[in-house]
Amino acid sequence: MNIHIAYYSATGNTRKVANRMAKAVSCKAESITSWKDSSTIDLLFLGAAVYANHGHGLHASMKAFISGLDSKKVKAVALFGTGFIHSDAIERMRDLAHSRGINVLGESFFCLGRFAFFNLGHPNAKDLREAEDYAKRIVTRMST
């Protein structure tokens, strides 16, 4: 199975989760800003957050990335996110991917992320273990 992890991370929180998930499922996590893959992907883990300086929405580069996905090349997407509070980043990514005709899996993952003096220590060891478990669970389901 061809598995990839793509993310946008302004603060490093989503990158940290993406890297831990990649290690758990033996693939590479790559920022969407340096994404170059054009192969057919069986499962794409896609991660982001909502940013106050982007109208409390997804970063423009994530919107553009999802808008550029080809439903013939990406068979399924599994979503994950981090944030100051539980936001609608996952729902926004789901809506954009659906609008492209891409199959988005029902289960997603979210954990708190550190922002300024809030949520210090997040994502923490427990958050990262849960992210690992999520990635492994999704890959197992997709493999059967």
Protein backbone atom coordinates (compact mmCIF):
# COMPACT_ATOMS: atom_id res chain seq x y z
CA MET A 1 0.00 0.00 0.00
CA ASN A 2 1.31 3.44 -0.96
CA ILE A 3 0.91 5.63 2.15
CA HIS A 4 1.89 9.28 2.46
CA ILE A 5 1.55 11.94 5.13
CA ALA A 6 1.21 15.58 4.09
CA TYR A 7 0.78 18.46 6.52
CA TYR A 8 0.95 22.20 7.01
CA SER A 9 2.44 23.38 10.29
CA ALA A 10 3.17 27.00 11.18
CA THR A 11 4.07 26.30 14.82
CA GLY A 12 5.54 22.79 14.62
CA ASN A 13 2.69 21.04 16.43
CA THR A 14 1.16 19.38 13.36
CA ARG A 15 4.65 18.52 12.05
CA LYS A 16 5.46 16.75 15.30
CA VAL A 17 2.28 14.66 15.07
CA ALA A 18 2.85 13.93 11.36
CA ASN A 19 6.40 12.73 11.99
CA ARG A 20 5.29 10.44 14.80
CA MET A 21 2.53 8.97 12.64
CA ALA A 22 4.99 8.46 9.77
CA LYS A 23 7.36 6.55 12.02
CA ALA A 24 4.48 4.36 13.24
CA VAL A 25 3.40 3.34 9.72
CA SER A 26 6.82 3.38 8.05
CA CYS A 27 6.37 6.20 5.59
CA LYS A 28 7.57 9.77 5.18
CA ALA A 29 5.83 12.88 6.45
CA GLU A 30 6.22 15.84 4.15
CA SER A 31 5.19 19.45 4.40
CA ILE A 32 2.77 20.48 1.67
CA THR A 33 5.09 23.40 0.94
CA SER A 34 7.73 20.97 -0.36
CA TRP A 35 5.39 18.27 -1.73
CA LYS A 36 6.54 16.82 -5.03
CA ASP A 37 4.90 13.40 -5.18
CA SER A 38 2.71 12.70 -8.18
CA SER A 39 2.29 8.94 -7.80
CA THR A 40 -0.99 7.20 -7.11
CA ILE A 41 -1.56 7.19 -3.35
CA ASP A 42 -3.69 4.57 -1.64
CA LEU A 43 -3.88 6.45 1.66
CA LEU A 44 -2.99 10.07 2.31
CA PHE A 45 -2.91 11.28 5.90
CA LEU A 46 -3.54 15.01 5.73
CA GLY A 47 -2.94 17.30 8.70
CA ALA A 48 -3.47 20.97 9.48
CA ALA A 49 -4.71 23.49 12.00
CA VAL A 50 -6.86 26.62 11.94
CA TYR A 51 -5.00 29.91 12.23
CA ALA A 52 -6.33 33.18 13.61
CA ASN A 53 -4.25 35.15 11.10
CA HIS A 54 -6.01 33.29 8.28
CA GLY A 55 -9.53 34.30 9.22
CA HIS A 56 -9.73 31.47 11.77
CA GLY A 57 -9.50 29.09 8.85
CA LEU A 58 -7.08 26.78 7.11
CA HIS A 59 -3.87 28.27 5.81
CA ALA A 60 -4.20 29.28 2.15
CA SER A 61 -1.48 26.81 1.14
CA MET A 62 -3.51 23.91 2.59
CA LYS A 63 -6.61 25.04 0.73
CA ALA A 64 -4.58 25.19 -2.48
CA PHE A 65 -2.98 21.81 -1.81
CA ILE A 66 -6.33 20.09 -1.33
CA SER A 67 -7.77 21.89 -4.37
CA GLY A 68 -4.92 20.42 -6.41
CA LEU A 69 -5.49 16.82 -5.34
CA ASP A 70 -6.66 14.47 -8.08
CA SER A 71 -9.34 11.99 -7.05
CA LYS A 72 -7.93 9.54 -9.59
CA LYS A 73 -4.53 9.61 -7.87
CA VAL A 74 -5.58 9.80 -4.20
CA LYS A 75 -7.78 6.85 -3.27
CA ALA A 76 -8.48 7.79 0.37
CA VAL A 77 -7.67 10.55 2.84
CA ALA A 78 -7.42 10.27 6.63
CA LEU A 79 -7.45 13.60 8.47
CA PHE A 80 -5.66 14.84 11.56
CA GLY A 81 -5.17 18.18 13.21
CA THR A 82 -3.81 20.12 16.14
CA GLY A 83 -4.88 23.37 17.66
CA PHE A 84 -5.18 25.82 20.50
CA ILE A 85 -8.69 24.49 21.01
CA HIS A 86 -10.65 21.84 19.16
CA SER A 87 -11.38 23.67 15.94
CA ASP A 88 -13.07 22.85 12.69
CA ALA A 89 -9.82 22.26 10.74
CA ILE A 90 -10.73 18.63 10.12
CA GLU A 91 -14.23 19.50 8.95
CA ARG A 92 -12.86 22.18 6.62
CA MET A 93 -10.34 19.75 5.11
CA ARG A 94 -13.08 17.11 4.79
CA ASP A 95 -15.37 19.52 2.94
CA LEU A 96 -12.61 20.58 0.54
CA ALA A 97 -11.54 16.99 -0.17
CA HIS A 98 -15.15 15.90 -0.70
CA SER A 99 -15.62 18.75 -3.15
CA ARG A 100 -12.74 17.22 -5.15
CA GLY A 101 -14.47 13.82 -5.16
CA ILE A 102 -11.93 12.29 -2.78
CA ASN A 103 -12.92 9.54 -0.36
CA VAL A 104 -12.39 10.87 3.18
CA LEU A 105 -12.38 8.30 5.95
CA GLY A 106 -14.82 8.86 8.81
CA GLU A 107 -12.33 8.56 11.65
CA SER A 108 -9.98 11.48 12.29
CA PHE A 109 -7.48 12.51 14.96
CA PHE A 110 -7.11 15.79 16.87
CA CYS A 111 -4.91 16.86 19.76
CA LEU A 112 -4.09 20.12 21.44
CA GLY A 113 -1.08 22.05 20.25
CA ARG A 114 1.02 24.55 22.13
CA PHE A 115 0.36 28.16 21.25
CA ALA A 116 2.18 30.98 23.06
CA PHE A 117 1.63 30.26 26.75
CA PHE A 118 -1.35 27.98 26.23
CA ASN A 119 -1.38 24.17 26.13
CA LEU A 120 2.23 24.04 27.24
CA GLY A 121 3.75 20.63 26.62
CA HIS A 122 1.31 19.68 23.85
CA PRO A 123 1.42 17.67 21.81
CA ASN A 124 2.69 15.55 24.69
CA ALA A 125 3.75 11.90 24.89
CA LYS A 126 0.15 10.74 25.34
CA ASP A 127 -1.01 12.79 22.34
CA LEU A 128 1.76 11.33 20.20
CA ARG A 129 0.98 7.74 21.29
CA GLU A 130 -2.66 8.34 20.37
CA ALA A 131 -1.57 9.71 16.98
CA GLU A 132 0.53 6.58 16.43
CA ASP A 133 -2.39 4.37 17.38
CA TYR A 134 -4.68 6.28 15.02
CA ALA A 135 -2.30 5.89 12.09
CA LYS A 136 -1.76 2.18 12.74
CA ARG A 137 -5.50 1.58 13.11
CA ILE A 138 -6.29 3.32 9.83
CA VAL A 139 -3.57 1.47 7.92
CA THR A 140 -4.75 -1.87 9.34
CA ARG A 141 -8.35 -1.14 8.28
CA MET A 142 -7.26 -0.09 4.80
CA SER A 143 -5.11 -3.21 4.41
CA THR A 144 -7.94 -5.66 5.07
